[in-house]
Amino acid sequence: MKWQFAMIDFLQFTGTEKPMKLYYAPGACSLAPHIALRETGQAFDLDKLDFATKKTAGGENFLSVNPQGYVPALRLDDGAVLTECAVILQYIADRGAARLIAAAGTMERYRTQEWLSFIATEIHKNYSPLFNKAAPEKAKAQARERLAKRLGHVEATLAKSPYLVGGRYTVADIYLFVTLRWSRIISFDLTPFPNTRDFQTRVGARVEVREALKAEGLG
């Protein structure tokens, strides 16, 4: 037992413990945990996924990392792997020194989780059909209509406060920022949502956000 503790201390002292690794694709929702890792100052490596081959830049078979075949995936320093953007964001926020999520059991935390769920299921998923060239135009029109309605809720919230959960910048804001960036790609007009556009400018001006965009070749 003493040897185990001594070895742990040695690994921490020598810095040989592996940092976390984020598997990503430029501009995908994996950009959100990438930003969160920079915001919280945690050590991490990046490994870029080639969707066509399911191989990473580091030479891994990504399907052995996440059998679902999509990013993000976060390999923890103990080798375990987390998937699903909203979950990874909460994990990163809980580990980081910067408080990107409120303490467990508080209403503020539940509100952040509420927004993470809303963004994942009502915003992120309504962008998805608009990237699919094979999707029928009727399906795309319905997705645009749903997306506009959901962004109306976001717009009303941001009319009252600078961020989704009052004055606190959280991982929910990061996730929203990333999904809204897709509007330019699929020509979804954000002009009717001035508070949302101001939010994008505000978050996009953060140093850590600019660093993440640059690292992914997007800035």
Protein backbone atom coordinates (compact mmCIF):
# COMPACT_ATOMS: atom_id res chain seq x y z
CA MET A 1 0.00 0.00 0.00
CA LYS A 2 2.84 2.41 0.88
CA TRP A 3 4.49 1.54 -2.47
CA GLN A 4 1.27 2.39 -4.33
CA PHE A 5 1.02 5.79 -2.71
CA ALA A 6 4.71 6.41 -3.35
CA MET A 7 4.31 5.49 -7.02
CA ILE A 8 1.32 7.81 -7.38
CA ASP A 9 3.33 10.63 -5.82
CA PHE A 10 6.24 9.82 -8.13
CA LEU A 11 4.08 9.90 -11.24
CA GLN A 12 2.54 13.20 -10.24
CA PHE A 13 5.93 14.68 -9.40
CA THR A 14 7.60 13.52 -12.62
CA GLY A 15 4.60 14.49 -14.76
CA THR A 16 4.51 11.07 -16.50
CA GLU A 17 0.77 10.70 -16.03
CA LYS A 18 -0.88 11.06 -19.42
CA PRO A 19 -3.08 14.12 -19.96
CA MET A 20 -6.61 13.76 -21.25
CA LYS A 21 -7.06 13.36 -24.99
CA LEU A 22 -9.91 14.99 -26.92
CA TYR A 23 -10.90 13.38 -30.20
CA TYR A 24 -12.32 16.05 -32.46
CA ALA A 25 -13.25 17.12 -35.97
CA PRO A 26 -12.76 20.79 -36.89
CA GLY A 27 -15.90 22.83 -36.27
CA ALA A 28 -17.99 19.89 -35.05
CA CYS A 29 -19.64 19.93 -31.63
CA SER A 30 -16.31 18.66 -30.25
CA LEU A 31 -15.25 22.30 -30.47
CA ALA A 32 -17.31 22.89 -27.31
CA PRO A 33 -15.25 20.64 -24.99
CA HIS A 34 -12.12 21.92 -26.73
CA ILE A 35 -13.04 25.46 -25.68
CA ALA A 36 -14.02 24.30 -22.19
CA LEU A 37 -10.66 22.58 -21.69
CA ARG A 38 -8.87 25.82 -22.58
CA GLU A 39 -11.19 27.89 -20.40
CA THR A 40 -10.46 25.68 -17.40
CA GLY A 41 -6.71 25.49 -18.01
CA GLN A 42 -6.53 21.70 -17.99
CA ALA A 43 -3.80 19.69 -19.71
CA PHE A 44 -4.99 17.82 -22.79
CA ASP A 45 -3.95 16.47 -26.16
CA LEU A 46 -5.92 16.71 -29.39
CA ASP A 47 -6.40 13.90 -31.92
CA LYS A 48 -8.19 14.77 -35.15
CA LEU A 49 -10.70 12.33 -36.64
CA ASP A 50 -10.98 11.58 -40.35
CA PHE A 51 -14.67 10.71 -40.73
CA ALA A 52 -14.10 8.95 -44.05
CA THR A 53 -11.55 6.45 -42.77
CA LYS A 54 -12.52 6.49 -39.07
CA LYS A 55 -8.82 6.88 -38.33
CA THR A 56 -7.30 9.60 -36.18
CA ALA A 57 -4.27 11.72 -36.95
CA GLY A 58 -2.51 9.77 -34.19
CA GLY A 59 -3.13 6.49 -36.02
CA GLU A 60 -5.93 5.08 -33.86
CA ASN A 61 -8.98 3.22 -35.10
CA PHE A 62 -11.61 5.61 -33.79
CA LEU A 63 -14.31 2.92 -33.67
CA SER A 64 -12.30 1.29 -30.90
CA VAL A 65 -12.55 4.57 -28.99
CA ASN A 66 -16.22 5.28 -29.68
CA PRO A 67 -18.11 2.52 -31.54
CA GLN A 68 -20.75 5.11 -32.50
CA GLY A 69 -18.13 6.72 -34.73
CA TYR A 70 -18.77 10.36 -33.87
CA VAL A 71 -17.01 13.03 -31.86
CA PRO A 72 -16.45 14.24 -29.26
CA ALA A 73 -14.81 11.52 -27.23
CA LEU A 74 -12.61 12.29 -24.26
CA ARG A 75 -10.02 9.77 -23.09
CA LEU A 76 -9.44 10.46 -19.41
CA ASP A 77 -6.04 10.33 -17.75
CA ASP A 78 -6.88 6.87 -16.36
CA GLY A 79 -7.69 5.54 -19.86
CA ALA A 80 -11.49 5.53 -19.55
CA VAL A 81 -13.47 7.19 -22.36
CA LEU A 82 -16.40 9.58 -22.07
CA THR A 83 -18.73 10.38 -24.97
CA GLU A 84 -21.67 12.75 -25.59
CA CYS A 85 -20.96 16.46 -25.68
CA ALA A 86 -23.21 17.55 -22.80
CA VAL A 87 -21.72 14.95 -20.44
CA ILE A 88 -18.13 15.73 -21.40
CA LEU A 89 -18.75 19.43 -20.84
CA GLN A 90 -20.02 18.80 -17.31
CA TYR A 91 -17.03 16.57 -16.55
CA ILE A 92 -14.58 19.22 -17.74
CA ALA A 93 -16.40 21.96 -15.82
CA ASP A 94 -16.35 19.97 -12.58
CA ARG A 95 -12.59 19.33 -12.84
CA GLY A 96 -11.54 22.83 -13.83
CA ALA A 97 -10.56 25.71 -11.62
CA ALA A 98 -12.75 28.11 -13.62
CA ARG A 99 -16.33 27.62 -12.45
CA LEU A 100 -18.13 26.89 -15.70
CA ILE A 101 -20.95 25.13 -13.85
CA ALA A 102 -22.48 25.65 -10.42
CA ALA A 103 -22.13 23.17 -7.57
CA ALA A 104 -24.14 19.96 -7.56
CA GLY A 105 -27.52 20.27 -5.88
CA THR A 106 -27.98 23.97 -6.64
CA MET A 107 -30.79 25.30 -8.80
CA GLU A 108 -28.23 27.12 -10.92
CA ARG A 109 -26.62 23.79 -11.81
CA TYR A 110 -29.98 22.29 -12.76
CA ARG A 111 -30.65 25.32 -14.98
CA THR A 112 -27.31 24.77 -16.70
CA GLN A 113 -28.12 21.08 -17.21
CA GLU A 114 -31.55 22.09 -18.50
CA TRP A 115 -29.91 24.28 -21.14
CA LEU A 116 -27.36 21.61 -22.07
CA SER A 117 -30.20 19.18 -22.70
CA PHE A 118 -32.19 21.76 -24.66
CA ILE A 119 -29.23 22.64 -26.86
CA ALA A 120 -28.43 18.98 -27.54
CA THR A 121 -31.96 17.89 -28.39
CA GLU A 122 -33.68 21.00 -29.72
CA ILE A 123 -30.92 23.04 -31.37
CA HIS A 124 -28.05 20.71 -32.25
CA LYS A 125 -30.36 18.04 -33.67
CA ASN A 126 -32.34 20.54 -35.74
CA TYR A 127 -29.17 21.70 -37.47
CA SER A 128 -28.27 18.12 -38.44
CA PRO A 129 -30.80 17.60 -41.31
CA LEU A 130 -29.63 20.86 -42.89
CA PHE A 131 -26.16 19.35 -43.45
CA ASN A 132 -27.60 16.28 -45.16
CA LYS A 133 -27.59 16.76 -48.94
CA ALA A 134 -29.86 13.74 -49.33
CA ALA A 135 -32.54 15.05 -46.95
CA PRO A 136 -35.83 16.02 -48.66
CA GLU A 137 -36.48 19.74 -48.94
CA LYS A 138 -39.65 19.33 -46.90
CA ALA A 139 -37.66 17.84 -44.02
CA LYS A 140 -35.15 20.69 -44.24
CA ALA A 141 -37.93 23.29 -44.22
CA GLN A 142 -39.43 21.69 -41.12
CA ALA A 143 -36.03 21.67 -39.42
CA ARG A 144 -35.55 25.37 -40.19
CA GLU A 145 -38.98 26.14 -38.78
CA ARG A 146 -38.28 24.21 -35.57
CA LEU A 147 -34.85 25.79 -35.26
CA ALA A 148 -36.27 29.31 -35.59
CA LYS A 149 -38.82 28.55 -32.88
CA ARG A 150 -36.19 27.17 -30.50
CA LEU A 151 -33.90 30.13 -31.13
CA GLY A 152 -36.81 32.37 -30.26
CA HIS A 153 -36.59 30.93 -26.75
CA VAL A 154 -32.83 31.57 -26.70
CA GLU A 155 -33.36 35.12 -27.95
CA ALA A 156 -35.89 35.89 -25.21
CA THR A 157 -33.51 34.59 -22.55
CA LEU A 158 -30.54 36.58 -23.85
CA ALA A 159 -32.67 39.72 -23.92
CA LYS A 160 -32.69 39.55 -20.12
CA SER A 161 -29.12 38.50 -19.36
CA PRO A 162 -25.76 38.22 -21.15
CA TYR A 163 -25.61 34.44 -20.75
CA LEU A 164 -28.08 31.59 -20.58
CA VAL A 165 -27.92 31.16 -16.80
CA GLY A 166 -28.01 34.77 -15.64
CA GLY A 167 -24.67 36.51 -15.40
CA ARG A 168 -22.57 33.33 -15.18
CA TYR A 169 -20.70 32.12 -18.27
CA THR A 170 -21.14 28.34 -18.32
CA VAL A 171 -20.51 25.31 -20.49
CA ALA A 172 -24.07 25.76 -21.81
CA ASP A 173 -22.98 29.05 -23.38
CA ILE A 174 -20.01 27.32 -24.98
CA TYR A 175 -22.22 24.59 -26.47
CA LEU A 176 -24.69 27.17 -27.78
CA PHE A 177 -21.90 29.24 -29.33
CA VAL A 178 -20.57 26.22 -31.21
CA THR A 179 -23.94 25.16 -32.61
CA LEU A 180 -24.82 28.70 -33.70
CA ARG A 181 -21.61 28.87 -35.74
CA TRP A 182 -23.16 26.32 -38.10
CA SER A 183 -25.72 28.90 -39.23
CA ARG A 184 -23.27 30.38 -41.73
CA ILE A 185 -22.55 26.98 -43.25
CA ILE A 186 -26.19 26.10 -43.91
CA SER A 187 -27.27 29.72 -44.62
CA PHE A 188 -29.58 30.04 -41.65
CA ASP A 189 -30.27 33.73 -41.12
CA LEU A 190 -29.70 34.95 -37.56
CA THR A 191 -30.74 38.52 -38.36
CA PRO A 192 -34.10 38.12 -36.56
CA PHE A 193 -32.18 37.27 -33.37
CA PRO A 194 -30.11 40.36 -32.44
CA ASN A 195 -29.48 39.34 -28.82
CA THR A 196 -28.28 35.95 -30.01
CA ARG A 197 -25.92 37.59 -32.52
CA ASP A 198 -24.56 39.86 -29.77
CA PHE A 199 -24.03 36.76 -27.64
CA GLN A 200 -22.02 35.15 -30.45
CA THR A 201 -19.82 38.22 -30.69
CA ARG A 202 -19.35 38.35 -26.92
CA VAL A 203 -18.36 34.69 -26.58
CA GLY A 204 -16.33 34.72 -29.80
CA ALA A 205 -14.15 37.52 -28.42
CA ARG A 206 -12.90 35.39 -25.51
CA VAL A 207 -9.21 34.55 -25.73
CA GLU A 208 -9.72 30.83 -25.11
CA VAL A 209 -12.40 30.64 -27.79
CA ARG A 210 -10.12 32.30 -30.33
CA GLU A 211 -7.30 29.95 -29.38
CA ALA A 212 -9.48 26.87 -29.88
CA LEU A 213 -10.71 28.12 -33.26
CA LYS A 214 -7.16 28.81 -34.37
CA ALA A 215 -5.99 25.37 -33.23
CA GLU A 216 -8.72 23.73 -35.34
CA GLY A 217 -7.89 25.87 -38.37
CA LEU A 218 -11.10 27.88 -38.04
CA GLY A 219 -9.77 31.22 -36.86
